[in-house]
C-alpha cells in the first residue's frame, strides 16, 4: 500500500508534466502562441512568488503530519513546513496552463483528475495536510488571474451570440 501512495503522491507528477509539455508545445495554435505563452509565464511567476510570500508570512504548522505522528514520510518532500504544497501548486498551475493554452476539454479533464489524485496522495503520504494542498491549489488559481481576459471575452462572445438570435 505504501508504494501505491508514493506513486500517487510523487509518480503522477511525471504524466502531469509530460501531458503539460505535449499540450503546450503541440496543441497551442501557432497564431496565438506568443500571447498564450506570455500569459502562462506570468501566471507561473505570479503563482510561485505568491506561494513563497504566503509561506514566509504564515505557516499553520511547523511540523509535517508524519513528524507529528513519528512515522516515516510516504513520499518525497522538501525540508520546510510545507504550506502551501509545491506539488499541488505545480500540478494545478500546469492544469490551468493546459486549459488556457489549448482549450482542450479532454486534456484538461485528464489533468484535473491527475491533479486531484496528487493532492490526495500528498495528504495520504502524510507529507501535507489538507490545508497545505488546498493552499497550493488556491495559489495556482491566483496565478490564473492572467487568464481572466480570455474568460471575459468568451462570456461576451457567448452573450452576443444569444442576443443576436
N, C-alpha and C. Protein backbone atom coordinates (compact mmCIF):
# COMPACT_ATOMS: atom_id res chain seq x y z
N UNK A 1 0.83 -1.20 0.00
CA UNK A 1 0.00 0.00 0.00
C UNK A 1 0.87 1.26 0.00
N UNK A 2 2.01 1.22 0.70
CA UNK A 2 2.89 2.39 0.75
C UNK A 2 3.41 2.79 -0.63
N UNK A 3 3.71 1.78 -1.45
CA UNK A 3 4.23 2.08 -2.78
C UNK A 3 3.14 2.72 -3.65
N UNK A 4 1.89 2.32 -3.47
CA UNK A 4 0.79 2.90 -4.23
C UNK A 4 0.61 4.37 -3.86
N UNK A 5 0.65 4.66 -2.57
CA UNK A 5 0.53 6.05 -2.12
C UNK A 5 1.69 6.89 -2.65
N UNK A 6 2.89 6.33 -2.61
CA UNK A 6 4.05 7.07 -3.13
C UNK A 6 3.93 7.32 -4.63
N UNK A 7 3.43 6.33 -5.37
CA UNK A 7 3.24 6.51 -6.81
C UNK A 7 2.20 7.59 -7.10
N UNK A 8 1.14 7.62 -6.29
CA UNK A 8 0.11 8.64 -6.49
C UNK A 8 0.66 10.02 -6.11
N UNK A 9 1.32 10.10 -4.95
CA UNK A 9 1.79 11.38 -4.42
C UNK A 9 2.93 11.98 -5.23
N UNK A 10 3.83 11.14 -5.72
CA UNK A 10 5.01 11.63 -6.45
C UNK A 10 4.99 11.23 -7.93
N UNK A 11 4.69 9.96 -8.19
CA UNK A 11 4.80 9.42 -9.54
C UNK A 11 3.86 10.03 -10.55
N UNK A 12 2.67 10.46 -10.10
CA UNK A 12 1.73 11.05 -11.06
C UNK A 12 2.16 12.43 -11.54
N UNK A 13 3.17 12.99 -10.91
CA UNK A 13 3.69 14.26 -11.41
C UNK A 13 4.33 14.09 -12.78
N UNK A 14 4.86 12.90 -13.06
CA UNK A 14 5.50 12.65 -14.36
C UNK A 14 4.49 12.75 -15.50
N UNK A 15 3.34 12.03 -15.44
CA UNK A 15 2.39 12.22 -16.55
C UNK A 15 1.80 13.63 -16.60
N UNK A 16 1.65 14.29 -15.46
CA UNK A 16 1.17 15.67 -15.47
C UNK A 16 2.14 16.56 -16.25
N UNK A 17 3.42 16.41 -15.98
CA UNK A 17 4.43 17.21 -16.67
C UNK A 17 4.48 16.85 -18.16
N UNK A 18 4.45 15.55 -18.47
CA UNK A 18 4.52 15.13 -19.87
C UNK A 18 3.30 15.59 -20.67
N UNK A 19 2.11 15.44 -20.11
CA UNK A 19 0.90 15.91 -20.80
C UNK A 19 0.97 17.42 -20.97
N UNK A 20 1.40 18.12 -19.92
CA UNK A 20 1.52 19.57 -19.99
C UNK A 20 2.49 20.01 -21.07
N UNK A 21 3.65 19.35 -21.13
CA UNK A 21 4.64 19.71 -22.16
C UNK A 21 4.09 19.43 -23.56
N UNK A 22 3.50 18.24 -23.75
CA UNK A 22 2.94 17.89 -25.05
C UNK A 22 1.88 18.92 -25.48
N UNK A 23 0.95 19.18 -24.57
CA UNK A 23 -0.15 20.09 -24.89
C UNK A 23 0.36 21.49 -25.21
N UNK A 24 1.27 21.99 -24.39
CA UNK A 24 1.73 23.37 -24.58
C UNK A 24 2.68 23.52 -25.77
N UNK A 25 3.36 22.45 -26.14
CA UNK A 25 4.26 22.54 -27.29
C UNK A 25 3.56 22.26 -28.62
N UNK A 26 2.57 21.35 -28.61
CA UNK A 26 1.99 20.90 -29.87
C UNK A 26 0.52 21.23 -30.08
N UNK A 27 -0.17 21.69 -29.05
CA UNK A 27 -1.61 21.93 -29.19
C UNK A 27 -2.01 23.41 -29.11
N UNK A 28 -1.07 24.27 -28.82
CA UNK A 28 -1.38 25.71 -28.79
C UNK A 28 -1.37 26.22 -30.23
N UNK A 29 -2.43 26.90 -30.65
CA UNK A 29 -2.48 27.41 -32.03
C UNK A 29 -1.28 28.33 -32.32
N UNK A 30 -0.68 28.13 -33.50
CA UNK A 30 0.53 28.89 -33.88
C UNK A 30 0.33 30.40 -33.83
N UNK A 31 -0.82 30.87 -34.26
CA UNK A 31 -1.05 32.32 -34.33
C UNK A 31 -1.32 32.93 -32.96
N UNK A 32 -1.45 32.11 -31.92
CA UNK A 32 -1.73 32.63 -30.57
C UNK A 32 -0.66 32.25 -29.57
N UNK A 33 0.42 31.65 -30.03
CA UNK A 33 1.44 31.15 -29.11
C UNK A 33 2.07 32.26 -28.27
N UNK A 34 2.46 33.35 -28.86
CA UNK A 34 3.14 34.40 -28.11
C UNK A 34 2.28 34.89 -26.94
N UNK A 35 1.03 35.23 -27.23
CA UNK A 35 0.14 35.74 -26.17
C UNK A 35 -0.10 34.69 -25.10
N UNK A 36 -0.39 33.47 -25.52
CA UNK A 36 -0.69 32.42 -24.53
C UNK A 36 0.54 32.05 -23.71
N UNK A 37 1.70 31.91 -24.35
CA UNK A 37 2.91 31.59 -23.60
C UNK A 37 3.27 32.71 -22.62
N UNK A 38 3.10 33.93 -23.06
CA UNK A 38 3.40 35.06 -22.18
C UNK A 38 2.50 35.05 -20.95
N UNK A 39 1.22 34.83 -21.15
CA UNK A 39 0.28 34.78 -20.02
C UNK A 39 0.57 33.58 -19.11
N UNK A 40 0.90 32.44 -19.69
CA UNK A 40 1.24 31.26 -18.89
C UNK A 40 2.49 31.53 -18.07
N UNK A 41 3.48 32.15 -18.68
CA UNK A 41 4.70 32.50 -17.96
C UNK A 41 4.40 33.44 -16.79
N UNK A 42 3.60 34.47 -17.05
CA UNK A 42 3.25 35.42 -16.00
C UNK A 42 2.42 34.76 -14.90
N UNK A 43 1.55 33.84 -15.28
CA UNK A 43 0.76 33.11 -14.28
C UNK A 43 1.68 32.26 -13.41
N UNK A 44 2.68 31.64 -14.02
CA UNK A 44 3.64 30.84 -13.25
C UNK A 44 4.44 31.67 -12.28
N UNK A 45 4.93 32.81 -12.74
CA UNK A 45 5.69 33.71 -11.87
C UNK A 45 4.81 34.20 -10.72
N UNK A 46 3.59 34.60 -11.05
CA UNK A 46 2.66 35.09 -10.03
C UNK A 46 2.36 34.01 -8.99
N UNK A 47 2.11 32.79 -9.44
CA UNK A 47 1.82 31.69 -8.52
C UNK A 47 3.01 31.40 -7.63
N UNK A 48 4.19 31.30 -8.23
CA UNK A 48 5.40 30.96 -7.47
C UNK A 48 5.72 32.03 -6.43
N UNK A 49 5.70 33.28 -6.86
CA UNK A 49 6.03 34.37 -5.93
C UNK A 49 4.97 34.48 -4.82
N UNK A 50 3.71 34.29 -5.18
CA UNK A 50 2.65 34.33 -4.17
C UNK A 50 2.82 33.21 -3.15
N UNK A 51 3.19 32.03 -3.62
CA UNK A 51 3.39 30.89 -2.71
C UNK A 51 4.55 31.17 -1.75
N UNK A 52 5.64 31.69 -2.27
CA UNK A 52 6.79 31.97 -1.40
C UNK A 52 6.46 33.07 -0.40
N UNK A 53 5.75 34.10 -0.83
CA UNK A 53 5.36 35.19 0.04
C UNK A 53 4.40 34.69 1.12
N UNK A 54 3.39 33.93 0.70
CA UNK A 54 2.41 33.39 1.65
C UNK A 54 3.06 32.44 2.65
N UNK A 55 3.95 31.57 2.16
CA UNK A 55 4.64 30.63 3.04
C UNK A 55 5.55 31.32 4.04
N UNK A 56 6.15 32.44 3.64
CA UNK A 56 7.02 33.19 4.55
C UNK A 56 6.20 33.96 5.59
N UNK A 57 5.02 34.41 5.19
CA UNK A 57 4.16 35.17 6.10
C UNK A 57 3.45 34.30 7.13
N UNK A 58 2.98 33.14 6.67
CA UNK A 58 2.12 32.34 7.53
C UNK A 58 2.36 30.86 7.33
N UNK A 59 2.60 30.16 8.40
CA UNK A 59 2.71 28.71 8.40
C UNK A 59 1.77 28.18 9.47
N UNK A 60 0.72 27.45 9.07
CA UNK A 60 -0.22 26.95 10.06
C UNK A 60 0.42 25.94 11.02
N UNK A 61 1.49 25.29 10.60
CA UNK A 61 2.17 24.32 11.46
C UNK A 61 3.63 24.25 11.04
N UNK A 62 4.51 24.10 12.01
CA UNK A 62 5.93 23.99 11.68
C UNK A 62 6.35 22.55 11.47
N UNK A 63 5.47 21.63 11.83
CA UNK A 63 5.77 20.20 11.65
C UNK A 63 4.81 19.60 10.63
N UNK A 64 5.35 18.70 9.85
CA UNK A 64 4.52 17.99 8.89
C UNK A 64 3.79 16.84 9.61
N UNK A 65 2.71 16.33 9.01
CA UNK A 65 1.94 15.27 9.68
C UNK A 65 2.78 14.05 10.08
N UNK A 66 3.69 13.60 9.21
CA UNK A 66 4.49 12.42 9.57
C UNK A 66 5.40 12.70 10.75
N UNK A 67 5.87 13.95 10.89
CA UNK A 67 6.71 14.32 12.03
C UNK A 67 5.90 14.31 13.33
N UNK A 68 4.68 14.80 13.25
CA UNK A 68 3.81 14.81 14.43
C UNK A 68 3.48 13.39 14.88
N UNK A 69 3.31 12.49 13.91
CA UNK A 69 2.95 11.12 14.23
C UNK A 69 4.16 10.24 14.53
N UNK A 70 5.36 10.75 14.23
CA UNK A 70 6.58 9.98 14.49
C UNK A 70 6.76 8.79 13.56
N UNK A 71 6.32 8.94 12.31
CA UNK A 71 6.47 7.88 11.31
C UNK A 71 7.29 8.39 10.14
N UNK A 72 7.64 7.48 9.25
CA UNK A 72 8.38 7.87 8.05
C UNK A 72 7.43 8.50 7.04
N UNK A 73 7.92 9.47 6.25
CA UNK A 73 7.06 10.07 5.22
C UNK A 73 6.77 9.06 4.12
N UNK A 74 5.59 9.17 3.53
CA UNK A 74 5.20 8.26 2.46
C UNK A 74 5.55 8.75 1.08
N UNK A 75 6.19 9.92 0.99
CA UNK A 75 6.55 10.48 -0.31
C UNK A 75 7.69 11.48 -0.12
N UNK A 76 8.26 11.92 -1.22
CA UNK A 76 9.34 12.90 -1.17
C UNK A 76 8.81 14.25 -0.69
N UNK A 77 9.67 15.01 -0.04
CA UNK A 77 9.27 16.32 0.45
C UNK A 77 10.51 17.18 0.61
N UNK A 78 10.29 18.48 0.60
CA UNK A 78 11.38 19.42 0.88
C UNK A 78 11.42 19.69 2.37
N UNK A 79 12.57 20.02 2.88
CA UNK A 79 12.70 20.26 4.32
C UNK A 79 12.23 21.68 4.65
N UNK A 80 10.91 21.84 4.65
CA UNK A 80 10.28 23.09 5.05
C UNK A 80 8.93 22.75 5.67
N UNK A 81 8.25 23.70 6.27
CA UNK A 81 6.98 23.37 6.93
C UNK A 81 5.88 22.87 5.98
N UNK A 82 5.92 23.18 4.71
CA UNK A 82 5.02 22.55 3.76
C UNK A 82 3.81 23.33 3.30
N UNK A 83 3.63 24.55 3.77
CA UNK A 83 2.48 25.33 3.30
C UNK A 83 2.94 26.44 2.39
N UNK A 84 2.37 26.58 1.23
CA UNK A 84 1.46 25.70 0.51
C UNK A 84 2.22 24.57 -0.18
N UNK A 85 1.51 23.53 -0.56
CA UNK A 85 2.12 22.37 -1.20
C UNK A 85 2.65 22.73 -2.59
N UNK A 86 3.94 22.50 -2.78
CA UNK A 86 4.55 22.77 -4.09
C UNK A 86 4.01 21.83 -5.17
N UNK A 87 3.80 20.55 -4.80
CA UNK A 87 3.26 19.59 -5.77
C UNK A 87 1.87 20.02 -6.23
N UNK A 88 0.99 20.36 -5.30
CA UNK A 88 -0.36 20.78 -5.66
C UNK A 88 -0.32 22.07 -6.47
N UNK A 89 0.54 22.99 -6.08
CA UNK A 89 0.69 24.25 -6.81
C UNK A 89 1.11 24.01 -8.25
N UNK A 90 2.16 23.22 -8.45
CA UNK A 90 2.68 22.98 -9.79
C UNK A 90 1.69 22.21 -10.65
N UNK A 91 1.06 21.17 -10.08
CA UNK A 91 0.08 20.40 -10.83
C UNK A 91 -1.12 21.28 -11.19
N UNK A 92 -1.58 22.09 -10.25
CA UNK A 92 -2.70 22.99 -10.52
C UNK A 92 -2.34 24.03 -11.57
N UNK A 93 -1.15 24.58 -11.47
CA UNK A 93 -0.69 25.57 -12.45
C UNK A 93 -0.64 24.96 -13.85
N UNK A 94 -0.07 23.76 -13.98
CA UNK A 94 0.01 23.13 -15.30
C UNK A 94 -1.37 22.80 -15.85
N UNK A 95 -2.29 22.40 -14.99
CA UNK A 95 -3.65 22.11 -15.43
C UNK A 95 -4.30 23.37 -16.00
N UNK A 96 -4.17 24.47 -15.28
CA UNK A 96 -4.73 25.73 -15.78
C UNK A 96 -4.03 26.18 -17.06
N UNK A 97 -2.73 25.97 -17.14
CA UNK A 97 -1.99 26.36 -18.34
C UNK A 97 -2.45 25.55 -19.55
N UNK A 98 -2.69 24.26 -19.36
CA UNK A 98 -3.17 23.42 -20.46
C UNK A 98 -4.56 23.87 -20.88
N UNK A 99 -5.42 24.16 -19.91
CA UNK A 99 -6.77 24.65 -20.25
C UNK A 99 -6.66 25.95 -21.05
N UNK A 100 -5.89 26.89 -20.54
CA UNK A 100 -5.78 28.18 -21.21
C UNK A 100 -5.08 28.06 -22.57
N UNK A 101 -4.01 27.30 -22.62
CA UNK A 101 -3.23 27.22 -23.85
C UNK A 101 -3.89 26.45 -24.97
N UNK A 102 -4.63 25.39 -24.63
CA UNK A 102 -5.15 24.51 -25.67
C UNK A 102 -6.67 24.52 -25.81
N UNK A 103 -7.36 24.88 -24.76
CA UNK A 103 -8.83 24.83 -24.71
C UNK A 103 -9.35 23.41 -24.91
N UNK A 104 -8.51 22.42 -24.65
CA UNK A 104 -8.89 21.01 -24.81
C UNK A 104 -9.58 20.50 -23.55
N UNK A 105 -10.85 20.16 -23.70
CA UNK A 105 -11.60 19.65 -22.55
C UNK A 105 -11.08 18.29 -22.12
N UNK A 106 -10.67 17.47 -23.07
CA UNK A 106 -10.20 16.13 -22.74
C UNK A 106 -8.88 16.20 -21.96
N UNK A 107 -7.90 16.93 -22.51
CA UNK A 107 -6.61 17.04 -21.81
C UNK A 107 -6.77 17.72 -20.46
N UNK A 108 -7.60 18.76 -20.40
CA UNK A 108 -7.81 19.47 -19.14
C UNK A 108 -8.49 18.55 -18.13
N UNK A 109 -9.46 17.77 -18.57
CA UNK A 109 -10.14 16.83 -17.68
C UNK A 109 -9.18 15.79 -17.12
N UNK A 110 -8.32 15.26 -17.97
CA UNK A 110 -7.31 14.29 -17.51
C UNK A 110 -6.39 14.95 -16.48
N UNK A 111 -5.97 16.16 -16.77
CA UNK A 111 -5.08 16.89 -15.86
C UNK A 111 -5.76 17.17 -14.52
N UNK A 112 -7.04 17.51 -14.54
CA UNK A 112 -7.77 17.77 -13.29
C UNK A 112 -7.79 16.52 -12.42
N UNK A 113 -8.11 15.38 -13.03
CA UNK A 113 -8.15 14.12 -12.28
C UNK A 113 -6.78 13.80 -11.69
N UNK A 114 -5.73 13.93 -12.49
CA UNK A 114 -4.37 13.65 -12.01
C UNK A 114 -3.97 14.62 -10.89
N UNK A 115 -4.33 15.89 -11.02
CA UNK A 115 -4.00 16.88 -10.00
C UNK A 115 -4.70 16.56 -8.68
N UNK A 116 -5.96 16.19 -8.75
CA UNK A 116 -6.69 15.82 -7.53
C UNK A 116 -6.06 14.59 -6.89
N UNK A 117 -5.69 13.61 -7.71
CA UNK A 117 -5.05 12.41 -7.17
C UNK A 117 -3.72 12.74 -6.48
N UNK A 118 -2.92 13.62 -7.09
CA UNK A 118 -1.65 14.01 -6.47
C UNK A 118 -1.92 14.70 -5.14
N UNK A 119 -2.89 15.61 -5.11
CA UNK A 119 -3.21 16.32 -3.87
C UNK A 119 -3.65 15.35 -2.77
N UNK A 120 -4.52 14.42 -3.11
CA UNK A 120 -4.96 13.41 -2.13
C UNK A 120 -3.78 12.53 -1.72
N UNK A 121 -2.95 12.15 -2.68
CA UNK A 121 -1.78 11.33 -2.38
C UNK A 121 -0.81 12.00 -1.42
N UNK A 122 -0.64 13.30 -1.56
CA UNK A 122 0.26 14.05 -0.66
C UNK A 122 -0.27 14.01 0.78
N UNK A 123 -1.58 14.08 0.93
CA UNK A 123 -2.18 14.00 2.27
C UNK A 123 -2.07 12.58 2.81
N UNK A 124 -2.37 11.58 1.98
CA UNK A 124 -2.28 10.18 2.42
C UNK A 124 -0.85 9.78 2.76
N UNK A 125 0.11 10.39 2.10
CA UNK A 125 1.52 10.10 2.36
C UNK A 125 2.02 10.80 3.63
N UNK A 126 1.16 11.62 4.23
CA UNK A 126 1.46 12.34 5.47
C UNK A 126 2.55 13.39 5.33
N UNK A 127 2.78 13.87 4.11
CA UNK A 127 3.75 14.95 3.94
C UNK A 127 3.08 16.31 3.90
N UNK A 128 1.75 16.32 3.77
CA UNK A 128 0.99 17.57 3.78
C UNK A 128 -0.33 17.37 4.50
N UNK A 129 -0.87 18.47 4.98
CA UNK A 129 -2.23 18.48 5.50
C UNK A 129 -3.16 18.86 4.35
N UNK A 130 -4.44 18.70 4.58
CA UNK A 130 -5.42 19.12 3.58
C UNK A 130 -5.28 20.61 3.31
N UNK A 131 -5.04 21.39 4.34
CA UNK A 131 -4.87 22.84 4.18
C UNK A 131 -3.68 23.16 3.28
N UNK A 132 -2.60 22.40 3.40
CA UNK A 132 -1.41 22.62 2.56
C UNK A 132 -1.74 22.44 1.08
N UNK A 133 -2.44 21.35 0.73
CA UNK A 133 -2.72 21.11 -0.69
C UNK A 133 -3.81 22.06 -1.21
N UNK A 134 -4.79 22.38 -0.38
CA UNK A 134 -5.80 23.35 -0.80
C UNK A 134 -5.12 24.71 -1.00
N UNK A 135 -4.19 25.06 -0.13
CA UNK A 135 -3.43 26.31 -0.28
C UNK A 135 -2.64 26.32 -1.57
N UNK A 136 -2.00 25.21 -1.92
CA UNK A 136 -1.25 25.12 -3.18
C UNK A 136 -2.15 25.29 -4.39
N UNK A 137 -3.32 24.66 -4.36
CA UNK A 137 -4.26 24.79 -5.47
C UNK A 137 -4.82 26.21 -5.55
N UNK A 138 -5.07 26.81 -4.40
CA UNK A 138 -5.60 28.19 -4.37
C UNK A 138 -4.58 29.17 -4.94
N UNK A 139 -3.31 28.97 -4.61
CA UNK A 139 -2.27 29.86 -5.14
C UNK A 139 -2.13 29.66 -6.65
N UNK A 140 -2.30 28.43 -7.13
CA UNK A 140 -2.28 28.20 -8.58
C UNK A 140 -3.42 28.96 -9.24
N UNK A 141 -4.59 28.96 -8.60
CA UNK A 141 -5.73 29.72 -9.13
C UNK A 141 -5.45 31.21 -9.12
N UNK A 142 -4.74 31.67 -8.09
CA UNK A 142 -4.38 33.08 -8.00
C UNK A 142 -3.54 33.50 -9.21
N UNK A 143 -2.63 32.64 -9.63
CA UNK A 143 -1.84 32.93 -10.83
C UNK A 143 -2.69 32.98 -12.08
N UNK A 144 -3.84 32.31 -12.02
CA UNK A 144 -4.74 32.28 -13.16
C UNK A 144 -5.41 33.60 -13.48
N UNK A 145 -5.17 34.64 -12.68
CA UNK A 145 -5.74 35.96 -13.00
C UNK A 145 -5.28 36.42 -14.38
N UNK A 146 -4.16 35.93 -14.84
CA UNK A 146 -3.65 36.30 -16.16
C UNK A 146 -4.53 35.74 -17.27
N UNK A 147 -5.42 34.79 -16.95
CA UNK A 147 -6.29 34.19 -17.95
C UNK A 147 -7.68 34.83 -17.97
N UNK A 148 -7.93 35.79 -17.08
CA UNK A 148 -9.27 36.36 -16.94
C UNK A 148 -9.74 37.06 -18.21
N UNK A 149 -8.86 37.74 -18.91
CA UNK A 149 -9.30 38.43 -20.12
C UNK A 149 -9.86 37.45 -21.14
N UNK A 150 -9.28 36.26 -21.22
CA UNK A 150 -9.83 35.24 -22.12
C UNK A 150 -11.23 34.85 -21.67
N UNK A 151 -11.40 34.61 -20.39
CA UNK A 151 -12.71 34.19 -19.87
C UNK A 151 -13.75 35.28 -20.11
N UNK A 152 -13.38 36.54 -19.88
CA UNK A 152 -14.32 37.64 -20.11
C UNK A 152 -14.72 37.70 -21.59
N UNK A 153 -13.75 37.61 -22.47
CA UNK A 153 -14.04 37.67 -23.91
C UNK A 153 -14.95 36.52 -24.34
N UNK A 154 -14.73 35.34 -23.78
CA UNK A 154 -15.57 34.20 -24.13
C UNK A 154 -17.00 34.41 -23.65
N UNK A 155 -17.17 34.95 -22.45
CA UNK A 155 -18.51 35.23 -21.93
C UNK A 155 -19.19 36.28 -22.80
N UNK A 156 -18.47 37.36 -23.15
CA UNK A 156 -19.05 38.40 -24.00
C UNK A 156 -19.46 37.85 -25.36
N UNK A 157 -18.61 37.00 -25.95
CA UNK A 157 -18.94 36.41 -27.24
C UNK A 157 -20.17 35.53 -27.15
N UNK A 158 -20.27 34.75 -26.07
CA UNK A 158 -21.42 33.87 -25.89
C UNK A 158 -22.70 34.69 -25.70
N UNK A 159 -22.61 35.77 -24.93
CA UNK A 159 -23.78 36.64 -24.73
C UNK A 159 -24.19 37.30 -26.04
N UNK A 160 -23.22 37.72 -26.84
CA UNK A 160 -23.51 38.37 -28.11
C UNK A 160 -24.21 37.40 -29.06
N UNK A 161 -23.79 36.13 -29.07
CA UNK A 161 -24.43 35.14 -29.94
C UNK A 161 -25.87 34.91 -29.53
N UNK A 162 -26.12 34.82 -28.23
CA UNK A 162 -27.50 34.57 -27.78
C UNK A 162 -28.41 35.78 -27.99
N UNK A 163 -27.87 36.99 -27.90
CA UNK A 163 -28.70 38.18 -28.09
C UNK A 163 -29.00 38.46 -29.57
N UNK A 164 -28.16 37.93 -30.47
CA UNK A 164 -28.37 38.11 -31.91
C UNK A 164 -29.37 37.12 -32.49
N UNK A 165 -29.76 36.13 -31.75
CA UNK A 165 -30.69 35.11 -32.27
C UNK A 165 -32.10 35.58 -32.32
